Amino acid sequence: MTAAAWRASGSPVATNHSSTTTRDGTFTDVTAKAGVGSSGWGQGVCVGDYDNDGFDDLFVTYYGRPNILYHTTATAPSPTWARRPASAGQRGN
């Protein structure tokens, strides 16, 4: 979504988005299908396999709210994720 489209939508809250390439130079928004939509100011994302199941998981950090760990639940034909408590993938102090 472009900045102009976001402003025109009247959306009062920042929202994460995920896109996939259509291989013709354009992208399709797959946020809802992938299960990664969340409002808030996402500050960063890390991709890794926190549970060693062979699939990439996502950890999104936020400003002013709890972080979210997305665990991969399916990979074909496109990845989908389920939310897990952010502490599930953290170790140490």
N, C-alpha and C. Protein backbone atom coordinates (compact mmCIF):
# COMPACT_ATOMS: atom_id res chain seq x y z
N MET A 1 0.85 -1.17 0.00
CA MET A 1 0.00 0.00 0.00
C MET A 1 0.90 1.23 0.00
N THR A 2 0.60 2.15 -0.85
CA THR A 2 1.39 3.38 -0.90
C THR A 2 0.95 4.32 0.20
N ALA A 3 1.79 5.30 0.52
CA ALA A 3 1.44 6.29 1.54
C ALA A 3 0.17 7.03 1.16
N ALA A 4 0.03 7.36 -0.13
CA ALA A 4 -1.17 8.07 -0.58
C ALA A 4 -2.41 7.21 -0.39
N ALA A 5 -2.32 5.92 -0.70
CA ALA A 5 -3.47 5.03 -0.52
C ALA A 5 -3.83 4.88 0.95
N TRP A 6 -2.80 4.83 1.82
CA TRP A 6 -3.07 4.72 3.25
C TRP A 6 -3.80 5.95 3.75
N ARG A 7 -3.33 7.14 3.34
CA ARG A 7 -3.99 8.38 3.76
C ARG A 7 -5.43 8.42 3.25
N ALA A 8 -5.64 8.00 2.01
CA ALA A 8 -6.97 8.03 1.41
C ALA A 8 -7.92 7.04 2.07
N SER A 9 -7.39 5.97 2.66
CA SER A 9 -8.24 4.96 3.27
C SER A 9 -8.88 5.45 4.56
N GLY A 10 -8.31 6.52 5.14
CA GLY A 10 -8.85 7.04 6.39
C GLY A 10 -8.43 6.21 7.59
N SER A 11 -7.52 5.27 7.40
CA SER A 11 -7.06 4.41 8.48
C SER A 11 -6.38 5.23 9.57
N PRO A 12 -6.89 5.18 10.80
CA PRO A 12 -6.31 5.98 11.88
C PRO A 12 -5.12 5.31 12.56
N VAL A 13 -4.86 4.06 12.25
CA VAL A 13 -3.84 3.30 12.96
C VAL A 13 -2.86 2.67 11.96
N ALA A 14 -1.59 2.69 12.31
CA ALA A 14 -0.59 2.01 11.48
C ALA A 14 -0.82 0.50 11.58
N THR A 15 -0.67 -0.19 10.47
CA THR A 15 -0.91 -1.63 10.43
C THR A 15 0.21 -2.32 9.65
N ASN A 16 0.65 -3.48 10.15
CA ASN A 16 1.63 -4.28 9.43
C ASN A 16 1.02 -4.80 8.14
N HIS A 17 1.86 -5.00 7.14
CA HIS A 17 1.42 -5.59 5.88
C HIS A 17 2.46 -6.58 5.41
N SER A 18 2.00 -7.62 4.74
CA SER A 18 2.87 -8.60 4.11
C SER A 18 2.46 -8.73 2.66
N SER A 19 3.46 -8.76 1.80
CA SER A 19 3.17 -8.85 0.36
C SER A 19 3.92 -10.02 -0.26
N THR A 20 3.41 -10.48 -1.39
CA THR A 20 4.10 -11.51 -2.17
C THR A 20 4.20 -11.03 -3.60
N THR A 21 5.24 -11.44 -4.27
CA THR A 21 5.43 -11.03 -5.66
C THR A 21 4.52 -11.84 -6.58
N THR A 22 4.03 -11.19 -7.61
CA THR A 22 3.21 -11.88 -8.61
C THR A 22 4.03 -12.22 -9.84
N ARG A 23 5.34 -11.98 -9.77
CA ARG A 23 6.32 -12.30 -10.81
C ARG A 23 6.13 -11.51 -12.09
N ASP A 24 5.34 -10.45 -12.03
CA ASP A 24 5.21 -9.56 -13.18
C ASP A 24 5.62 -8.14 -12.81
N GLY A 25 6.34 -8.03 -11.69
CA GLY A 25 6.80 -6.72 -11.24
C GLY A 25 5.85 -6.05 -10.27
N THR A 26 4.77 -6.72 -9.90
CA THR A 26 3.82 -6.17 -8.94
C THR A 26 3.76 -7.07 -7.71
N PHE A 27 3.09 -6.59 -6.67
CA PHE A 27 2.95 -7.33 -5.43
C PHE A 27 1.49 -7.41 -5.04
N THR A 28 1.14 -8.47 -4.32
CA THR A 28 -0.21 -8.67 -3.80
C THR A 28 -0.16 -8.66 -2.29
N ASP A 29 -1.08 -7.94 -1.66
CA ASP A 29 -1.15 -7.89 -0.20
C ASP A 29 -1.74 -9.21 0.31
N VAL A 30 -0.97 -9.95 1.11
CA VAL A 30 -1.42 -11.23 1.66
C VAL A 30 -1.49 -11.19 3.19
N THR A 31 -1.61 -10.01 3.75
CA THR A 31 -1.59 -9.83 5.19
C THR A 31 -2.62 -10.70 5.89
N ALA A 32 -3.88 -10.59 5.50
CA ALA A 32 -4.95 -11.36 6.16
C ALA A 32 -4.78 -12.85 5.93
N LYS A 33 -4.46 -13.24 4.71
CA LYS A 33 -4.29 -14.66 4.37
C LYS A 33 -3.16 -15.30 5.18
N ALA A 34 -2.07 -14.53 5.37
CA ALA A 34 -0.92 -15.05 6.11
C ALA A 34 -1.12 -14.99 7.62
N GLY A 35 -2.07 -14.20 8.08
CA GLY A 35 -2.34 -14.09 9.51
C GLY A 35 -1.36 -13.22 10.28
N VAL A 36 -0.77 -12.23 9.61
CA VAL A 36 0.23 -11.39 10.28
C VAL A 36 -0.20 -9.94 10.45
N GLY A 37 -1.47 -9.65 10.26
CA GLY A 37 -1.94 -8.29 10.43
C GLY A 37 -2.03 -7.92 11.90
N SER A 38 -1.45 -6.80 12.24
CA SER A 38 -1.52 -6.30 13.60
C SER A 38 -1.30 -4.80 13.55
N SER A 39 -2.09 -4.06 14.31
CA SER A 39 -1.91 -2.62 14.30
C SER A 39 -0.88 -2.22 15.35
N GLY A 40 -0.24 -1.12 15.10
CA GLY A 40 0.79 -0.62 16.00
C GLY A 40 2.01 -0.21 15.21
N TRP A 41 2.97 0.33 15.88
CA TRP A 41 4.18 0.81 15.23
C TRP A 41 5.26 -0.27 15.29
N GLY A 42 5.26 -1.15 14.29
CA GLY A 42 6.30 -2.18 14.20
C GLY A 42 7.65 -1.53 13.96
N GLN A 43 8.63 -1.89 14.77
CA GLN A 43 9.95 -1.28 14.67
C GLN A 43 10.97 -2.15 13.97
N GLY A 44 10.73 -3.44 13.92
CA GLY A 44 11.68 -4.34 13.28
C GLY A 44 11.11 -5.75 13.22
N VAL A 45 11.72 -6.55 12.36
CA VAL A 45 11.30 -7.94 12.23
C VAL A 45 12.55 -8.81 12.10
N CYS A 46 12.48 -9.97 12.71
CA CYS A 46 13.57 -10.93 12.64
C CYS A 46 12.97 -12.25 12.15
N VAL A 47 13.65 -12.89 11.23
CA VAL A 47 13.20 -14.18 10.69
C VAL A 47 14.15 -15.25 11.16
N GLY A 48 13.62 -16.31 11.73
CA GLY A 48 14.44 -17.43 12.19
C GLY A 48 13.54 -18.59 12.57
N ASP A 49 14.13 -19.73 12.81
CA ASP A 49 13.39 -20.94 13.16
C ASP A 49 13.54 -21.18 14.66
N TYR A 50 12.68 -20.52 15.46
CA TYR A 50 12.86 -20.56 16.91
C TYR A 50 12.64 -21.93 17.52
N ASP A 51 11.87 -22.81 16.89
CA ASP A 51 11.58 -24.12 17.47
C ASP A 51 12.20 -25.29 16.69
N ASN A 52 13.07 -24.98 15.74
CA ASN A 52 13.79 -25.99 14.97
C ASN A 52 12.88 -26.98 14.23
N ASP A 53 11.74 -26.47 13.70
CA ASP A 53 10.86 -27.36 12.93
C ASP A 53 11.15 -27.28 11.43
N GLY A 54 12.16 -26.49 11.04
CA GLY A 54 12.54 -26.38 9.65
C GLY A 54 11.84 -25.26 8.89
N PHE A 55 10.98 -24.50 9.57
CA PHE A 55 10.25 -23.42 8.92
C PHE A 55 10.57 -22.08 9.57
N ASP A 56 10.67 -21.03 8.74
CA ASP A 56 10.98 -19.71 9.27
C ASP A 56 9.81 -19.14 10.06
N ASP A 57 10.11 -18.58 11.22
CA ASP A 57 9.14 -17.90 12.07
C ASP A 57 9.49 -16.41 12.08
N LEU A 58 8.53 -15.58 12.47
CA LEU A 58 8.73 -14.13 12.49
C LEU A 58 8.61 -13.59 13.90
N PHE A 59 9.51 -12.68 14.25
CA PHE A 59 9.42 -11.97 15.54
C PHE A 59 9.37 -10.49 15.21
N VAL A 60 8.25 -9.83 15.56
CA VAL A 60 8.07 -8.42 15.26
C VAL A 60 8.14 -7.62 16.55
N THR A 61 9.01 -6.60 16.55
CA THR A 61 9.12 -5.72 17.71
C THR A 61 8.28 -4.47 17.47
N TYR A 62 7.69 -3.98 18.56
CA TYR A 62 6.80 -2.82 18.48
C TYR A 62 7.25 -1.73 19.45
N TYR A 63 6.83 -0.53 19.15
CA TYR A 63 7.02 0.59 20.05
C TYR A 63 5.74 0.78 20.85
N GLY A 64 5.84 0.72 22.16
CA GLY A 64 4.70 1.01 23.02
C GLY A 64 3.69 -0.11 23.19
N ARG A 65 4.03 -1.32 22.81
CA ARG A 65 3.12 -2.46 23.01
C ARG A 65 3.93 -3.74 22.99
N PRO A 66 3.35 -4.87 23.40
CA PRO A 66 4.11 -6.13 23.41
C PRO A 66 4.52 -6.57 22.01
N ASN A 67 5.67 -7.20 21.94
CA ASN A 67 6.16 -7.78 20.69
C ASN A 67 5.35 -9.02 20.35
N ILE A 68 5.41 -9.46 19.09
CA ILE A 68 4.66 -10.64 18.67
C ILE A 68 5.58 -11.64 17.98
N LEU A 69 5.46 -12.90 18.38
CA LEU A 69 6.13 -14.01 17.72
C LEU A 69 5.10 -14.73 16.86
N TYR A 70 5.38 -14.85 15.56
CA TYR A 70 4.50 -15.57 14.64
C TYR A 70 5.16 -16.90 14.29
N HIS A 71 4.50 -18.00 14.66
CA HIS A 71 5.00 -19.35 14.40
C HIS A 71 4.41 -19.85 13.09
N THR A 72 5.25 -20.36 12.21
CA THR A 72 4.78 -20.87 10.91
C THR A 72 3.87 -22.07 11.12
N THR A 73 2.68 -22.02 10.50
CA THR A 73 1.73 -23.13 10.61
C THR A 73 1.53 -23.85 9.28
N ALA A 74 1.91 -23.22 8.19
CA ALA A 74 1.81 -23.84 6.86
C ALA A 74 2.80 -23.15 5.94
N THR A 75 3.30 -23.88 4.95
CA THR A 75 4.26 -23.28 4.04
C THR A 75 3.83 -23.33 2.58
N ALA A 76 2.89 -24.17 2.23
CA ALA A 76 2.50 -24.27 0.82
C ALA A 76 1.00 -24.06 0.69
N PRO A 77 0.54 -23.37 -0.31
CA PRO A 77 1.33 -22.74 -1.35
C PRO A 77 1.97 -21.43 -0.89
N SER A 78 1.52 -20.86 0.23
CA SER A 78 2.17 -19.67 0.77
C SER A 78 2.17 -19.77 2.29
N PRO A 79 3.16 -19.18 2.94
CA PRO A 79 3.28 -19.31 4.40
C PRO A 79 2.11 -18.67 5.15
N THR A 80 1.73 -19.29 6.25
CA THR A 80 0.78 -18.70 7.19
C THR A 80 1.37 -18.84 8.57
N TRP A 81 1.00 -17.93 9.47
CA TRP A 81 1.57 -17.92 10.81
C TRP A 81 0.48 -17.82 11.86
N ALA A 82 0.79 -18.31 13.05
CA ALA A 82 -0.10 -18.18 14.21
C ALA A 82 0.65 -17.41 15.29
N ARG A 83 -0.05 -16.54 15.98
CA ARG A 83 0.58 -15.76 17.04
C ARG A 83 0.91 -16.64 18.23
N ARG A 84 2.04 -16.39 18.82
CA ARG A 84 2.49 -17.04 20.04
C ARG A 84 2.89 -15.94 21.01
N PRO A 85 2.86 -16.22 22.31
CA PRO A 85 3.38 -15.22 23.24
C PRO A 85 4.81 -14.88 22.89
N ALA A 86 5.16 -13.61 22.90
CA ALA A 86 6.51 -13.20 22.52
C ALA A 86 7.55 -13.90 23.37
N SER A 87 7.24 -14.22 24.61
CA SER A 87 8.20 -14.86 25.49
C SER A 87 8.48 -16.30 25.10
N ALA A 88 7.69 -16.90 24.23
CA ALA A 88 7.87 -18.31 23.84
C ALA A 88 9.20 -18.55 23.17
N GLY A 89 9.70 -17.58 22.44
CA GLY A 89 10.94 -17.76 21.71
C GLY A 89 12.14 -17.12 22.37
N GLN A 90 11.97 -16.59 23.58
CA GLN A 90 13.06 -15.89 24.24
C GLN A 90 13.68 -16.75 25.33
N ARG A 91 14.99 -16.66 25.42
CA ARG A 91 15.71 -17.37 26.47
C ARG A 91 16.63 -16.40 27.16
N GLY A 92 17.08 -16.75 28.32
CA GLY A 92 18.02 -15.89 29.03
C GLY A 92 17.32 -15.01 30.03
N ASN A 93 18.05 -13.98 30.45
CA ASN A 93 17.51 -13.10 31.50
C ASN A 93 16.48 -12.17 30.97
